[in-house]
């Protein structure tokens, strides 16, 4: 059964190369989006990280956004 699956996958060389290319581009884009998200989160919290020596934070209870 595995032999038939491998034979069908590699039977058409252009489809095989296209499939490998598409999978590699998709995985690269997923990694890129994760790094963009991490960068945005780091920049969002940088204002609070700059004030690490504050002993107490006073904010309005209805505050939606920290910045």
PDB file of N, CA and C in Angstrom:
ATOM      1  N   UNK A   1       0.826  -1.199   0.000  1.00  0.00           N
ATOM      2  CA  UNK A   1       0.000   0.000   0.000  1.00  0.00           C
ATOM      3  C   UNK A   1       0.866   1.258   0.000  1.00  0.00           C
ATOM      4  N   UNK A   2       1.908   1.273   0.822  1.00  0.00           N
ATOM      5  CA  UNK A   2       2.793   2.437   0.850  1.00  0.00           C
ATOM      6  C   UNK A   2       3.514   2.607  -0.476  1.00  0.00           C
ATOM      7  N   UNK A   3       3.836   1.499  -1.132  1.00  0.00           N
ATOM      8  CA  UNK A   3       4.512   1.560  -2.426  1.00  0.00           C
ATOM      9  C   UNK A   3       3.628   2.264  -3.459  1.00  0.00           C
ATOM     10  N   UNK A   4       2.355   1.968  -3.450  1.00  0.00           N
ATOM     11  CA  UNK A   4       1.423   2.604  -4.381  1.00  0.00           C
ATOM     12  C   UNK A   4       1.325   4.103  -4.092  1.00  0.00           C
ATOM     13  N   UNK A   5       1.276   4.478  -2.813  1.00  0.00           N
ATOM     14  CA  UNK A   5       1.186   5.891  -2.445  1.00  0.00           C
ATOM     15  C   UNK A   5       2.429   6.656  -2.886  1.00  0.00           C
ATOM     16  N   UNK A   6       3.612   6.075  -2.673  1.00  0.00           N
ATOM     17  CA  UNK A   6       4.853   6.735  -3.090  1.00  0.00           C
ATOM     18  C   UNK A   6       4.928   6.821  -4.601  1.00  0.00           C
ATOM     19  N   UNK A   7       4.499   5.797  -5.291  1.00  0.00           N
ATOM     20  CA  UNK A   7       4.524   5.780  -6.750  1.00  0.00           C
ATOM     21  C   UNK A   7       3.582   6.842  -7.315  1.00  0.00           C
ATOM     22  N   UNK A   8       2.406   7.009  -6.692  1.00  0.00           N
ATOM     23  CA  UNK A   8       1.467   8.041  -7.145  1.00  0.00           C
ATOM     24  C   UNK A   8       2.000   9.439  -6.866  1.00  0.00           C
ATOM     25  N   UNK A   9       2.702   9.607  -5.753  1.00  0.00           N
ATOM     26  CA  UNK A   9       3.229  10.912  -5.387  1.00  0.00           C
ATOM     27  C   UNK A   9       4.366  11.335  -6.300  1.00  0.00           C
ATOM     28  N   UNK A  10       5.262  10.423  -6.583  1.00  0.00           N
ATOM     29  CA  UNK A  10       6.438  10.766  -7.392  1.00  0.00           C
ATOM     30  C   UNK A  10       6.245  10.450  -8.864  1.00  0.00           C
ATOM     31  N   UNK A  11       5.065   9.999  -9.271  1.00  0.00           N
ATOM     32  CA  UNK A  11       4.827   9.654 -10.674  1.00  0.00           C
ATOM     33  C   UNK A  11       4.929  10.861 -11.589  1.00  0.00           C
ATOM     34  N   UNK A  12       4.362  11.977 -11.197  1.00  0.00           N
ATOM     35  CA  UNK A  12       4.422  13.207 -11.992  1.00  0.00           C
ATOM     36  C   UNK A  12       5.389  14.156 -11.302  1.00  0.00           C
ATOM     37  N   UNK A  13       6.521  14.375 -11.925  1.00  0.00           N
ATOM     38  CA  UNK A  13       7.597  15.149 -11.300  1.00  0.00           C
ATOM     39  C   UNK A  13       7.199  16.600 -11.047  1.00  0.00           C
ATOM     40  N   UNK A  14       6.469  17.224 -11.959  1.00  0.00           N
ATOM     41  CA  UNK A  14       6.092  18.632 -11.787  1.00  0.00           C
ATOM     42  C   UNK A  14       5.112  18.800 -10.627  1.00  0.00           C
ATOM     43  N   UNK A  15       4.169  17.876 -10.473  1.00  0.00           N
ATOM     44  CA  UNK A  15       3.244  17.955  -9.339  1.00  0.00           C
ATOM     45  C   UNK A  15       3.981  17.739  -8.025  1.00  0.00           C
ATOM     46  N   UNK A  16       4.947  16.832  -8.021  1.00  0.00           N
ATOM     47  CA  UNK A  16       5.723  16.554  -6.814  1.00  0.00           C
ATOM     48  C   UNK A  16       6.531  17.780  -6.393  1.00  0.00           C
ATOM     49  N   UNK A  17       7.201  18.401  -7.351  1.00  0.00           N
ATOM     50  CA  UNK A  17       7.997  19.602  -7.044  1.00  0.00           C
ATOM     51  C   UNK A  17       7.081  20.731  -6.599  1.00  0.00           C
ATOM     52  N   UNK A  18       5.940  20.881  -7.245  1.00  0.00           N
ATOM     53  CA  UNK A  18       4.978  21.917  -6.851  1.00  0.00           C
ATOM     54  C   UNK A  18       4.434  21.692  -5.456  1.00  0.00           C
ATOM     55  N   UNK A  19       4.178  20.439  -5.117  1.00  0.00           N
ATOM     56  CA  UNK A  19       3.677  20.111  -3.783  1.00  0.00           C
ATOM     57  C   UNK A  19       4.720  20.412  -2.712  1.00  0.00           C
ATOM     58  N   UNK A  20       5.956  20.029  -2.945  1.00  0.00           N
ATOM     59  CA  UNK A  20       7.031  20.305  -1.989  1.00  0.00           C
ATOM     60  C   UNK A  20       7.243  21.806  -1.839  1.00  0.00           C
ATOM     61  N   UNK A  21       7.203  22.535  -2.947  1.00  0.00           N
ATOM     62  CA  UNK A  21       7.355  23.993  -2.900  1.00  0.00           C
ATOM     63  C   UNK A  21       6.215  24.639  -2.118  1.00  0.00           C
ATOM     64  N   UNK A  22       4.987  24.201  -2.362  1.00  0.00           N
ATOM     65  CA  UNK A  22       3.835  24.781  -1.671  1.00  0.00           C
ATOM     66  C   UNK A  22       3.876  24.508  -0.169  1.00  0.00           C
ATOM     67  N   UNK A  23       4.275  23.307   0.207  1.00  0.00           N
ATOM     68  CA  UNK A  23       4.363  22.976   1.631  1.00  0.00           C
ATOM     69  C   UNK A  23       5.457  23.799   2.309  1.00  0.00           C
ATOM     70  N   UNK A  24       6.582  23.979   1.628  1.00  0.00           N
ATOM     71  CA  UNK A  24       7.670  24.759   2.232  1.00  0.00           C
ATOM     72  C   UNK A  24       7.296  26.233   2.354  1.00  0.00           C
ATOM     73  N   UNK A  25       6.622  26.800   1.361  1.00  0.00           N
ATOM     74  CA  UNK A  25       6.196  28.201   1.442  1.00  0.00           C
ATOM     75  C   UNK A  25       5.152  28.377   2.545  1.00  0.00           C
ATOM     76  N   UNK A  26       4.223  27.439   2.651  1.00  0.00           N
ATOM     77  CA  UNK A  26       3.195  27.534   3.690  1.00  0.00           C
ATOM     78  C   UNK A  26       3.805  27.468   5.087  1.00  0.00           C
ATOM     79  N   UNK A  27       4.776  26.580   5.285  1.00  0.00           N
ATOM     80  CA  UNK A  27       5.403  26.494   6.611  1.00  0.00           C
ATOM     81  C   UNK A  27       6.242  27.736   6.901  1.00  0.00           C
ATOM     82  N   UNK A  28       6.878  28.310   5.884  1.00  0.00           N
ATOM     83  CA  UNK A  28       7.639  29.548   6.082  1.00  0.00           C
ATOM     84  C   UNK A  28       6.704  30.698   6.458  1.00  0.00           C
ATOM     85  N   UNK A  29       5.547  30.777   5.801  1.00  0.00           N
ATOM     86  CA  UNK A  29       4.598  31.841   6.129  1.00  0.00           C
ATOM     87  C   UNK A  29       4.029  31.690   7.537  1.00  0.00           C
ATOM     88  N   UNK A  30       3.800  30.469   7.984  1.00  0.00           N
ATOM     89  CA  UNK A  30       3.312  30.269   9.353  1.00  0.00           C
ATOM     90  C   UNK A  30       4.356  30.707  10.377  1.00  0.00           C
ATOM     91  N   UNK A  31       5.616  30.397  10.125  1.00  0.00           N
ATOM     92  CA  UNK A  31       6.679  30.821  11.035  1.00  0.00           C
ATOM     93  C   UNK A  31       6.827  32.344  11.017  1.00  0.00           C
ATOM     94  N   UNK A  32       6.685  32.936   9.839  1.00  0.00           N
ATOM     95  CA  UNK A  32       6.804  34.391   9.709  1.00  0.00           C
ATOM     96  C   UNK A  32       5.685  35.086  10.469  1.00  0.00           C
ATOM     97  N   UNK A  33       4.455  34.582  10.360  1.00  0.00           N
ATOM     98  CA  UNK A  33       3.341  35.193  11.075  1.00  0.00           C
ATOM     99  C   UNK A  33       3.504  35.065  12.586  1.00  0.00           C
ATOM    100  N   UNK A  34       4.055  33.959  13.036  1.00  0.00           N
ATOM    101  CA  UNK A  34       4.301  33.803  14.471  1.00  0.00           C
ATOM    102  C   UNK A  34       5.337  34.811  14.960  1.00  0.00           C
ATOM    103  N   UNK A  35       6.355  35.074  14.158  1.00  0.00           N
ATOM    104  CA  UNK A  35       7.360  36.060  14.567  1.00  0.00           C
ATOM    105  C   UNK A  35       6.798  37.474  14.545  1.00  0.00           C
ATOM    106  N   UNK A  36       5.912  37.776  13.604  1.00  0.00           N
ATOM    107  CA  UNK A  36       5.263  39.090  13.582  1.00  0.00           C
ATOM    108  C   UNK A  36       4.405  39.269  14.837  1.00  0.00           C
ATOM    109  N   UNK A  37       3.652  38.238  15.211  1.00  0.00           N
ATOM    110  CA  UNK A  37       2.822  38.308  16.415  1.00  0.00           C
ATOM    111  C   UNK A  37       3.675  38.522  17.654  1.00  0.00           C
ATOM    112  N   UNK A  38       4.785  37.798  17.744  1.00  0.00           N
ATOM    113  CA  UNK A  38       5.666  37.954  18.909  1.00  0.00           C
ATOM    114  C   UNK A  38       6.251  39.363  18.957  1.00  0.00           C
ATOM    115  N   UNK A  39       6.612  39.922  17.821  1.00  0.00           N
ATOM    116  CA  UNK A  39       7.140  41.286  17.784  1.00  0.00           C
ATOM    117  C   UNK A  39       6.111  42.319  18.198  1.00  0.00           C
ATOM    118  N   UNK A  40       4.881  42.147  17.747  1.00  0.00           N
ATOM    119  CA  UNK A  40       3.826  43.090  18.125  1.00  0.00           C
ATOM    120  C   UNK A  40       3.547  43.006  19.623  1.00  0.00           C
ATOM    121  N   UNK A  41       3.519  41.808  20.173  1.00  0.00           N
ATOM    122  CA  UNK A  41       3.295  41.661  21.603  1.00  0.00           C
ATOM    123  C   UNK A  41       4.443  42.264  22.409  1.00  0.00           C
ATOM    124  N   UNK A  42       5.675  42.119  21.934  1.00  0.00           N
ATOM    125  CA  UNK A  42       6.825  42.690  22.630  1.00  0.00           C
ATOM    126  C   UNK A  42       6.753  44.213  22.633  1.00  0.00           C
ATOM    127  N   UNK A  43       6.366  44.801  21.485  1.00  0.00           N
ATOM    128  CA  UNK A  43       6.256  46.263  21.418  1.00  0.00           C
ATOM    129  C   UNK A  43       5.093  46.779  22.247  1.00  0.00           C
ATOM    130  N   UNK A  44       4.029  46.009  22.350  1.00  0.00           N
ATOM    131  CA  UNK A  44       2.867  46.433  23.126  1.00  0.00           C
ATOM    132  C   UNK A  44       3.197  46.494  24.612  1.00  0.00           C
ATOM    133  N   UNK A  45       3.959  45.535  25.088  1.00  0.00           N
ATOM    134  CA  UNK A  45       4.263  45.490  26.516  1.00  0.00           C
ATOM    135  C   UNK A  45       5.533  46.251  26.883  1.00  0.00           C
ATOM    136  N   UNK A  46       6.194  46.862  25.920  1.00  0.00           N
ATOM    137  CA  UNK A  46       7.468  47.523  26.224  1.00  0.00           C
ATOM    138  C   UNK A  46       7.297  48.723  27.160  1.00  0.00           C
ATOM    139  N   UNK A  47       6.162  49.402  27.092  1.00  0.00           N
ATOM    140  CA  UNK A  47       5.942  50.544  27.983  1.00  0.00           C
ATOM    141  C   UNK A  47       5.866  50.101  29.435  1.00  0.00           C
ATOM    142  N   UNK A  48       5.260  48.974  29.684  1.00  0.00           N
ATOM    143  CA  UNK A  48       5.188  48.479  31.062  1.00  0.00           C
ATOM    144  C   UNK A  48       6.527  47.895  31.505  1.00  0.00           C
ATOM    145  N   UNK A  49       7.276  47.321  30.580  1.00  0.00           N
ATOM    146  CA  UNK A  49       8.571  46.751  30.932  1.00  0.00           C
ATOM    147  C   UNK A  49       9.606  47.835  31.213  1.00  0.00           C
ATOM    148  N   UNK A  50       9.429  49.021  30.642  1.00  0.00           N
ATOM    149  CA  UNK A  50      10.359  50.123  30.892  1.00  0.00           C
ATOM    150  C   UNK A  50      10.236  50.647  32.326  1.00  0.00           C
ATOM    151  N   UNK A  51       9.077  50.502  32.926  1.00  0.00           N
ATOM    152  CA  UNK A  51       8.836  50.998  34.281  1.00  0.00           C
ATOM    153  C   UNK A  51       8.782  49.807  35.226  1.00  0.00           C
ATOM    154  N   UNK A  52       9.878  49.122  35.380  1.00  0.00           N
ATOM    155  CA  UNK A  52       9.919  47.920  36.212  1.00  0.00           C
ATOM    156  C   UNK A  52      10.053  48.239  37.691  1.00  0.00           C
ATOM    157  N   UNK A  53      10.482  49.442  38.017  1.00  0.00           N
ATOM    158  CA  UNK A  53      10.722  49.768  39.418  1.00  0.00           C
ATOM    159  C   UNK A  53       9.498  50.354  40.122  1.00  0.00           C
ATOM    160  N   UNK A  54       8.353  50.421  39.444  1.00  0.00           N
ATOM    161  CA  UNK A  54       7.147  50.952  40.080  1.00  0.00           C
ATOM    162  C   UNK A  54       6.647  49.952  41.126  1.00  0.00           C
ATOM    163  N   UNK A  55       6.336  50.462  42.306  1.00  0.00           N
ATOM    164  CA  UNK A  55       5.877  49.586  43.376  1.00  0.00           C
ATOM    165  C   UNK A  55       4.382  49.309  43.287  1.00  0.00           C
ATOM    166  N   UNK A  56       3.625  50.257  42.729  1.00  0.00           N
ATOM    167  CA  UNK A  56       2.184  50.074  42.642  1.00  0.00           C
ATOM    168  C   UNK A  56       1.697  50.710  41.342  1.00  0.00           C
ATOM    169  N   UNK A  57       0.721  50.079  40.713  1.00  0.00           N
ATOM    170  CA  UNK A  57       0.114  50.603  39.489  1.00  0.00           C
ATOM    171  C   UNK A  57      -1.294  51.076  39.838  1.00  0.00           C
ATOM    172  N   UNK A  58      -1.598  52.330  39.508  1.00  0.00           N
ATOM    173  CA  UNK A  58      -2.916  52.893  39.770  1.00  0.00           C
ATOM    174  C   UNK A  58      -3.574  53.159  38.423  1.00  0.00           C
ATOM    175  N   UNK A  59      -4.711  52.493  38.191  1.00  0.00           N
ATOM    176  CA  UNK A  59      -5.424  52.650  36.923  1.00  0.00           C
ATOM    177  C   UNK A  59      -6.915  52.695  37.192  1.00  0.00           C
ATOM    178  N   UNK A  60      -7.627  53.268  36.265  1.00  0.00           N
ATOM    179  CA  UNK A  60      -9.077  53.307  36.333  1.00  0.00           C
ATOM    180  C   UNK A  60      -9.634  51.893  36.117  1.00  0.00           C
ATOM    181  N   UNK A  61     -10.628  51.460  36.863  1.00  0.00           N
ATOM    182  CA  UNK A  61     -11.178  50.107  36.685  1.00  0.00           C
ATOM    183  C   UNK A  61     -11.816  49.886  35.311  1.00  0.00           C
ATOM    184  N   UNK A  62     -12.248  50.951  34.652  1.00  0.00           N
ATOM    185  CA  UNK A  62     -12.892  50.838  33.342  1.00  0.00           C
ATOM    186  C   UNK A  62     -11.907  50.947  32.189  1.00  0.00           C
ATOM    187  N   UNK A  63     -10.631  50.934  32.474  1.00  0.00           N
ATOM    188  CA  UNK A  63      -9.605  51.095  31.451  1.00  0.00           C
ATOM    189  C   UNK A  63      -9.585  49.879  30.531  1.00  0.00           C
ATOM    190  N   UNK A  64      -9.681  50.138  29.199  1.00  0.00           N
ATOM    191  CA  UNK A  64      -9.670  49.036  28.230  1.00  0.00           C
ATOM    192  C   UNK A  64      -8.263  48.747  27.713  1.00  0.00           C
ATOM    193  N   UNK A  65      -7.491  49.803  27.442  1.00  0.00           N
ATOM    194  CA  UNK A  65      -6.163  49.634  26.867  1.00  0.00           C
ATOM    195  C   UNK A  65      -5.121  50.221  27.818  1.00  0.00           C
ATOM    196  N   UNK A  66      -4.014  49.521  27.957  1.00  0.00           N
ATOM    197  CA  UNK A  66      -3.001  49.959  28.924  1.00  0.00           C
ATOM    198  C   UNK A  66      -2.240  51.184  28.477  1.00  0.00           C
ATOM    199  N   UNK A  67      -2.094  51.399  27.180  1.00  0.00           N
ATOM    200  CA  UNK A  67      -1.340  52.555  26.726  1.00  0.00           C
ATOM    201  C   UNK A  67      -2.264  53.726  26.525  1.00  0.00           C
TER     202      UNK A  67
END
